Amino acid sequence: MKNIFTLTLLLISIVLTAQETEEAKKEKSFTISGSVDAYYQTYLTASDDSGQSFGTAFADQTGFALGMGNVIASYESGKVGAVLDLVVGPRGAGATFSNDIVDGIVNQAYAYWNVSESTTLTFGRFNTFLGYEVIAPAANFNYSTSYLFSNGPFSHMGLKADFALSDDFSLMLAVMNPWDTNNTSTTGEYSFGAQLGYKGQFLNLYYDSGANSGLGFEVDYTGGFEISEAFFLGINAAYQTTSYVFDDDGEVISDDFKNGFYGAALYPQYTLSDDFALGLRGELFGYHAEEGEDLPSVFGATLTGSYTVESNLIIKPEIRLDSWSNWDDRYFDADGEDASSLAAFTLAAIYTF
């Protein structure tokens, strides 16, 4: 009888151990995703060999050009996990400043802890919470990027805490290195960020001292509305306070000579079929100074089509026209003369996996 009882306990122990092992396996997951993109671009108002560009991040070459290759490895085990996001190519180098971390290869690298159902801590390098657009082209409707995106931070290095306050409200608080200092802060300075979300609308705040190539203070609104099943309107607006201007040696030129930026962009997008959508980015962006100078501003209009082939390949034809005020020699026209506007046609292909 004793042997039967012992054998029963042993079998129960084996079953429970097997169940715990199986559940542990279920809680662990490893995934790999990413994208590859390339494009062709030609100017409509200038010569392709003029060596100019719109002045925003990425997609700044004429002819056939590479965007970037992107591989994201994610591992999660229970309440903790890590993400390693690697990029190569001109877009990746531009996003990481080429020599920022491991010669422009590391885009994101962070660990996280789901402390509870409503709280997550993230420690490491992560892409910015500011703005409507992002680095990865597959997540943007327009292939070329906006001035608001290009002038704000791309990534941050630090610690952030995300709180789900309710089904509708969210809050994020962060302490980080200064603006786009993604490896090690050598100045002893730090930046602070906050985000309040409500039903897909986000108010973002960022601050650093601006004393050592910092951004200063930026307030940003990012959101959008489903006008109908086929029509979506995205919105982005931002204002950045005046920040220091430096000479080639990194010294502040003058405490009185500072500038900042402001801007707003609308993103109406209409889905025509399961495979094709059409979207427009209309953006007003400009610079401001404490002295009240009439600094340059630009209005940009970008019309983009998005055609999806078998869920993974996205073809994006795009026409873009940027026109500056108070900057008559910003570009060159087809005759090599000074011009304040530039137009281009771009055809991009993005494959996601």
Protein backbone atom coordinates (compact mmCIF):
# COMPACT_ATOMS: atom_id res chain seq x y z
CA MET A 1 0.00 0.00 0.00
CA LYS A 2 2.86 2.31 0.92
CA ASN A 3 4.55 1.62 -2.42
CA ILE A 4 1.35 2.43 -4.32
CA PHE A 5 1.00 5.71 -2.42
CA THR A 6 4.63 6.61 -3.13
CA LEU A 7 4.22 5.73 -6.80
CA THR A 8 1.08 7.88 -7.02
CA LEU A 9 2.88 10.87 -5.52
CA LEU A 10 5.74 10.36 -7.96
CA LEU A 11 3.40 10.30 -10.94
CA ILE A 12 1.59 13.43 -9.74
CA SER A 13 4.95 15.17 -9.29
CA ILE A 14 6.02 14.21 -12.82
CA VAL A 15 2.73 15.46 -14.28
CA LEU A 16 2.89 18.77 -12.39
CA THR A 17 6.53 19.30 -13.37
CA ALA A 18 5.67 18.61 -17.02
CA GLN A 19 2.78 21.06 -16.86
CA GLU A 20 4.97 23.76 -15.30
CA THR A 21 7.66 23.16 -17.93
CA GLU A 22 5.10 23.36 -20.72
CA GLU A 23 3.62 26.59 -19.32
CA ALA A 24 7.10 28.04 -18.96
CA LYS A 25 7.76 27.23 -22.61
CA LYS A 26 4.51 28.92 -23.60
CA GLU A 27 5.49 32.07 -21.73
CA LYS A 28 8.77 32.37 -23.62
CA SER A 29 8.78 33.71 -27.17
CA PHE A 30 11.38 34.76 -29.72
CA THR A 31 10.46 36.64 -32.89
CA ILE A 32 12.35 38.20 -35.77
CA SER A 33 10.88 40.94 -37.97
CA GLY A 34 12.11 43.80 -40.10
CA SER A 35 12.10 45.43 -43.51
CA VAL A 36 14.18 46.25 -46.59
CA ASP A 37 13.55 49.33 -48.74
CA ALA A 38 14.95 51.02 -51.83
CA TYR A 39 13.83 53.86 -54.07
CA TYR A 40 14.26 55.81 -57.30
CA GLN A 41 14.07 59.62 -57.21
CA THR A 42 14.22 62.32 -59.87
CA TYR A 43 13.75 66.07 -59.57
CA LEU A 44 10.97 67.73 -61.53
CA THR A 45 12.25 71.29 -61.17
CA ALA A 46 16.02 70.78 -61.13
CA SER A 47 18.80 68.68 -62.55
CA ASP A 48 19.35 65.34 -60.84
CA ASP A 49 23.10 66.01 -60.64
CA SER A 50 22.69 69.33 -58.81
CA GLY A 51 23.66 67.73 -55.48
CA GLN A 52 20.75 69.21 -53.56
CA SER A 53 17.96 67.71 -51.46
CA PHE A 54 14.83 68.81 -49.63
CA GLY A 55 16.73 69.09 -46.37
CA THR A 56 14.76 66.51 -44.44
CA ALA A 57 15.96 63.15 -43.16
CA PHE A 58 16.53 60.21 -45.52
CA ALA A 59 15.49 59.74 -49.19
CA ASP A 60 17.90 62.49 -50.20
CA GLN A 61 19.53 60.87 -53.26
CA THR A 62 18.60 60.98 -56.93
CA GLY A 63 18.60 57.96 -59.21
CA PHE A 64 18.37 54.49 -57.67
CA ALA A 65 19.23 54.40 -53.97
CA LEU A 66 19.08 52.15 -50.94
CA GLY A 67 17.04 53.02 -47.88
CA MET A 68 17.95 50.56 -45.20
CA GLY A 69 17.84 46.97 -44.06
CA ASN A 70 16.22 46.47 -40.67
CA VAL A 71 16.21 43.35 -38.46
CA ILE A 72 14.41 43.34 -35.11
CA ALA A 73 14.95 40.47 -32.66
CA SER A 74 12.51 40.31 -29.73
CA TYR A 75 12.60 37.90 -26.81
CA GLU A 76 10.07 37.68 -24.01
CA SER A 77 10.00 35.39 -21.00
CA GLY A 78 7.14 35.90 -18.59
CA LYS A 79 7.07 39.54 -17.50
CA VAL A 80 10.47 40.52 -18.89
CA GLY A 81 11.97 40.82 -22.35
CA ALA A 82 14.44 42.55 -24.62
CA VAL A 83 14.54 44.04 -28.12
CA LEU A 84 17.55 44.43 -30.41
CA ASP A 85 16.86 46.52 -33.53
CA LEU A 86 19.69 46.60 -36.09
CA VAL A 87 19.88 48.80 -39.20
CA VAL A 88 22.26 49.12 -42.15
CA GLY A 89 22.24 51.40 -45.19
CA PRO A 90 22.01 55.19 -45.61
CA ARG A 91 18.66 55.54 -43.82
CA GLY A 92 19.95 53.51 -40.89
CA ALA A 93 23.18 55.52 -40.76
CA GLY A 94 21.21 58.77 -40.82
CA ALA A 95 18.97 57.57 -38.01
CA THR A 96 21.92 56.62 -35.80
CA PHE A 97 24.39 59.30 -36.94
CA SER A 98 26.67 56.66 -38.49
CA ASN A 99 29.21 56.48 -35.66
CA ASP A 100 26.80 56.81 -32.75
CA ILE A 101 26.78 53.17 -31.59
CA VAL A 102 28.69 50.40 -33.36
CA ASP A 103 29.09 52.46 -36.55
CA GLY A 104 25.40 53.16 -37.06
CA ILE A 105 24.12 49.61 -36.67
CA VAL A 106 22.14 49.74 -33.42
CA ASN A 107 18.81 51.52 -33.81
CA GLN A 108 17.19 50.27 -30.62
CA ALA A 109 18.46 48.06 -27.80
CA TYR A 110 16.43 47.86 -24.61
CA ALA A 111 15.12 45.56 -21.91
CA TYR A 112 11.68 45.84 -20.34
CA TRP A 113 9.78 44.62 -17.31
CA ASN A 114 6.00 44.38 -17.16
CA VAL A 115 5.80 45.18 -13.47
CA SER A 116 2.03 44.80 -13.52
CA GLU A 117 -0.80 44.76 -16.03
CA SER A 118 -0.74 48.56 -16.04
CA THR A 119 2.97 49.39 -15.61
CA THR A 120 5.98 48.72 -17.86
CA LEU A 121 9.57 49.85 -17.31
CA THR A 122 11.92 50.17 -20.32
CA PHE A 123 15.68 50.63 -19.94
CA GLY A 124 18.06 51.23 -22.85
CA ARG A 125 17.90 52.90 -26.23
CA PHE A 126 14.49 53.37 -27.82
CA ASN A 127 13.04 55.44 -30.68
CA THR A 128 11.47 58.75 -29.78
CA PHE A 129 7.94 59.19 -28.52
CA LEU A 130 7.69 62.64 -30.18
CA GLY A 131 6.03 63.17 -33.54
CA TYR A 132 3.82 61.41 -36.06
CA GLU A 133 6.49 59.79 -38.23
CA VAL A 134 9.11 57.17 -37.36
CA ILE A 135 12.44 55.86 -38.66
CA ALA A 136 11.17 52.58 -40.15
CA PRO A 137 9.63 53.39 -43.58
CA ALA A 138 7.02 50.64 -43.40
CA ALA A 139 5.32 52.42 -40.48
CA ASN A 140 4.98 55.75 -42.35
CA PHE A 141 2.41 56.43 -45.04
CA ASN A 142 4.66 58.90 -46.89
CA TYR A 143 8.09 57.60 -47.89
CA SER A 144 9.98 60.89 -47.54
CA THR A 145 9.88 62.43 -44.08
CA SER A 146 8.61 65.71 -42.68
CA TYR A 147 10.51 68.69 -41.28
CA LEU A 148 8.91 68.13 -37.89
CA PHE A 149 10.29 64.60 -37.80
CA SER A 150 13.71 65.59 -39.14
CA ASN A 151 14.26 68.40 -36.62
CA GLY A 152 13.16 66.49 -33.54
CA PRO A 153 15.01 63.69 -31.74
CA PHE A 154 15.21 60.27 -33.42
CA SER A 155 16.00 58.13 -30.38
CA HIS A 156 16.65 58.31 -26.66
CA MET A 157 18.93 56.52 -24.20
CA GLY A 158 17.51 56.17 -20.72
CA LEU A 159 14.71 54.82 -18.55
CA LYS A 160 10.99 55.25 -19.15
CA ALA A 161 7.87 54.09 -17.35
CA ASP A 162 4.56 53.50 -19.14
CA PHE A 163 1.32 53.51 -17.16
CA ALA A 164 -2.10 52.40 -18.40
CA LEU A 165 -4.23 54.65 -16.21
CA SER A 166 -7.52 53.35 -17.64
CA ASP A 167 -8.93 51.96 -20.88
CA ASP A 168 -8.67 55.45 -22.38
CA PHE A 169 -5.81 57.21 -20.56
CA SER A 170 -2.08 56.45 -20.60
CA LEU A 171 0.97 58.16 -19.13
CA MET A 172 4.68 57.87 -19.87
CA LEU A 173 7.51 59.44 -17.86
CA ALA A 174 11.19 59.27 -18.84
CA VAL A 175 14.68 60.37 -17.79
CA MET A 176 17.28 60.18 -20.56
CA ASN A 177 20.53 61.46 -21.97
CA PRO A 178 20.29 64.81 -23.80
CA TRP A 179 18.92 65.09 -27.35
CA ASP A 180 20.21 62.29 -29.61
CA THR A 181 23.04 61.40 -27.24
CA ASN A 182 22.36 57.72 -27.62
CA ASN A 183 25.51 56.16 -26.27
CA THR A 184 27.03 57.88 -23.22
CA SER A 185 26.32 61.34 -21.84
CA THR A 186 29.70 62.98 -21.23
CA THR A 187 28.30 66.35 -20.11
CA GLY A 188 26.60 65.27 -16.89
CA GLU A 189 23.28 66.55 -18.26
CA TYR A 190 20.01 64.68 -18.68
CA SER A 191 16.69 65.17 -20.41
CA PHE A 192 13.14 64.52 -19.27
CA GLY A 193 10.11 63.39 -21.22
CA ALA A 194 6.42 62.88 -20.62
CA GLN A 195 3.47 61.70 -22.69
CA LEU A 196 -0.22 61.84 -21.85
CA GLY A 197 -2.47 59.77 -24.10
CA TYR A 198 -6.23 59.74 -24.49
CA LYS A 199 -8.00 57.55 -27.05
CA GLY A 200 -5.18 57.71 -29.60
CA GLN A 201 -4.37 61.40 -29.04
CA PHE A 202 -1.00 62.17 -27.44
CA LEU A 203 0.46 65.27 -25.81
CA ASN A 204 4.25 64.94 -25.67
CA LEU A 205 6.72 67.01 -23.64
CA TYR A 206 10.51 67.00 -23.79
CA TYR A 207 13.11 69.07 -21.97
CA ASP A 208 16.88 69.35 -21.77
CA SER A 209 18.96 72.38 -20.85
CA GLY A 210 20.09 73.06 -24.42
CA ALA A 211 23.49 74.09 -23.10
CA ASN A 212 25.49 71.37 -24.88
CA SER A 213 23.96 70.77 -28.31
CA GLY A 214 20.62 70.10 -26.65
CA LEU A 215 17.13 70.64 -27.97
CA GLY A 216 15.78 72.78 -25.14
CA PHE A 217 12.02 72.39 -24.66
CA GLU A 218 9.57 70.87 -27.16
CA VAL A 219 5.84 70.36 -26.89
CA ASP A 220 4.27 68.07 -29.48
CA TYR A 221 0.76 66.88 -30.28
CA THR A 222 0.29 63.70 -32.28
CA GLY A 223 -3.02 62.06 -33.09
CA GLY A 224 -5.64 61.24 -35.67
CA PHE A 225 -9.29 60.56 -36.29
CA GLU A 226 -11.19 57.89 -38.21
CA ILE A 227 -13.54 60.12 -40.18
CA SER A 228 -15.07 57.07 -41.86
CA GLU A 229 -14.11 53.45 -42.58
CA ALA A 230 -12.11 54.62 -45.60
CA PHE A 231 -10.92 58.08 -44.49
CA PHE A 232 -8.34 58.78 -41.78
CA LEU A 233 -6.94 62.18 -40.78
CA GLY A 234 -3.58 62.24 -38.98
CA ILE A 235 -2.36 65.37 -37.18
CA ASN A 236 1.01 66.53 -35.86
CA ALA A 237 1.95 69.91 -34.40
CA ALA A 238 5.00 70.99 -32.43
CA TYR A 239 6.76 74.01 -30.96
CA GLN A 240 10.39 73.99 -29.87
CA THR A 241 11.77 76.81 -27.78
CA THR A 242 14.87 78.73 -28.76
CA SER A 243 18.11 76.85 -28.23
CA TYR A 244 21.77 77.71 -28.30
CA VAL A 245 23.75 78.27 -31.49
CA PHE A 246 27.30 76.90 -31.60
CA ASP A 247 30.44 77.57 -33.58
CA ASP A 248 32.67 74.87 -35.14
CA ASP A 249 34.45 74.34 -31.82
CA GLY A 250 31.21 73.64 -29.98
CA GLU A 251 31.22 76.97 -28.13
CA VAL A 252 28.04 79.00 -27.70
CA ILE A 253 28.19 81.92 -30.14
CA SER A 254 25.90 84.17 -28.12
CA ASP A 255 23.37 83.71 -25.36
CA ASP A 256 21.22 86.27 -27.15
CA PHE A 257 21.34 84.59 -30.56
CA LYS A 258 19.05 81.58 -30.41
CA ASN A 259 16.45 79.99 -32.65
CA GLY A 260 13.80 77.31 -32.50
CA PHE A 261 11.14 75.78 -34.74
CA TYR A 262 7.40 75.41 -35.04
CA GLY A 263 5.16 73.49 -37.38
CA ALA A 264 1.98 71.60 -38.11
CA ALA A 265 1.15 68.80 -40.54
CA LEU A 266 -2.06 67.16 -41.69
CA TYR A 267 -2.16 63.61 -43.06
CA PRO A 268 -5.46 62.88 -44.84
CA GLN A 269 -5.46 59.27 -46.09
CA TYR A 270 -8.15 57.55 -48.13
CA THR A 271 -8.36 53.79 -48.67
CA LEU A 272 -9.63 53.06 -52.17
CA SER A 273 -9.41 49.25 -51.98
CA ASP A 274 -7.91 46.48 -49.86
CA ASP A 275 -4.61 46.96 -51.69
CA PHE A 276 -4.41 50.67 -52.51
CA ALA A 277 -4.61 53.90 -50.52
CA LEU A 278 -3.85 57.53 -51.31
CA GLY A 279 -2.49 60.02 -48.81
CA LEU A 280 -1.40 63.65 -48.64
CA ARG A 281 0.96 65.32 -46.19
CA GLY A 282 0.53 69.08 -46.00
CA GLU A 283 3.12 70.66 -43.70
CA LEU A 284 3.93 74.18 -42.56
CA PHE A 285 7.28 74.45 -40.82
CA GLY A 286 9.40 77.43 -39.81
CA TYR A 287 12.09 78.83 -37.57
CA HIS A 288 11.71 81.51 -34.94
CA ALA A 289 14.18 83.61 -32.95
CA GLU A 290 14.09 85.57 -29.71
CA GLU A 291 14.87 88.77 -31.59
CA GLY A 292 11.67 88.41 -33.63
CA GLU A 293 13.52 88.08 -36.92
CA ASP A 294 11.54 87.03 -39.97
CA LEU A 295 13.20 83.64 -40.37
CA PRO A 296 12.54 81.16 -43.20
CA SER A 297 9.45 78.94 -43.30
CA VAL A 298 8.38 76.24 -45.73
CA PHE A 299 5.14 74.76 -46.99
CA GLY A 300 5.47 71.20 -48.22
CA ALA A 301 2.90 69.07 -50.02
CA THR A 302 3.56 65.36 -50.51
CA LEU A 303 1.12 63.11 -52.36
CA THR A 304 1.74 59.39 -51.89
CA GLY A 305 0.12 56.25 -53.20
CA SER A 306 0.49 52.99 -51.29
CA TYR A 307 -0.04 49.68 -53.12
CA THR A 308 0.38 46.44 -51.18
CA VAL A 309 1.38 43.22 -52.96
CA GLU A 310 0.59 39.98 -51.13
CA SER A 311 0.70 41.67 -47.69
CA ASN A 312 4.49 42.07 -47.55
CA LEU A 313 5.62 44.26 -50.46
CA ILE A 314 4.54 47.93 -50.46
CA ILE A 315 5.01 50.07 -53.58
CA LYS A 316 4.88 53.83 -52.97
CA PRO A 317 4.85 56.35 -55.84
CA GLU A 318 5.24 59.89 -54.47
CA ILE A 319 5.27 63.50 -55.68
CA ARG A 320 6.65 66.16 -53.35
CA LEU A 321 6.83 69.96 -53.64
CA ASP A 322 8.45 72.18 -51.00
CA SER A 323 8.35 75.97 -51.23
CA TRP A 324 10.24 78.30 -48.85
CA SER A 325 9.59 81.90 -47.93
CA ASN A 326 12.49 84.22 -46.98
CA TRP A 327 14.98 81.78 -48.50
CA ASP A 328 15.26 82.53 -52.21
CA ASP A 329 18.52 80.62 -52.67
CA ARG A 330 17.52 77.46 -50.82
CA TYR A 331 17.60 75.35 -54.02
CA PHE A 332 18.70 75.49 -57.67
CA ASP A 333 16.36 75.23 -60.63
CA ALA A 334 16.93 73.31 -63.90
CA ASP A 335 19.09 76.19 -65.22
CA GLY A 336 21.26 76.30 -62.11
CA GLU A 337 19.67 79.55 -60.90
CA ASP A 338 18.68 80.18 -57.27
CA ALA A 339 15.22 78.93 -56.38
CA SER A 340 13.02 78.79 -53.30
CA SER A 341 11.16 75.61 -54.26
CA LEU A 342 11.96 72.04 -55.25
CA ALA A 343 9.78 69.22 -56.62
CA ALA A 344 10.56 65.54 -57.03
CA PHE A 345 9.05 62.21 -58.04
CA THR A 346 9.97 59.16 -55.96
CA LEU A 347 9.13 55.49 -56.42
CA ALA A 348 9.85 53.36 -53.35
CA ALA A 349 9.58 49.64 -52.57
CA ILE A 350 9.38 48.35 -49.01
CA TYR A 351 9.37 44.68 -48.08
CA THR A 352 8.40 43.70 -44.55
CA PHE A 353 8.82 40.37 -42.80
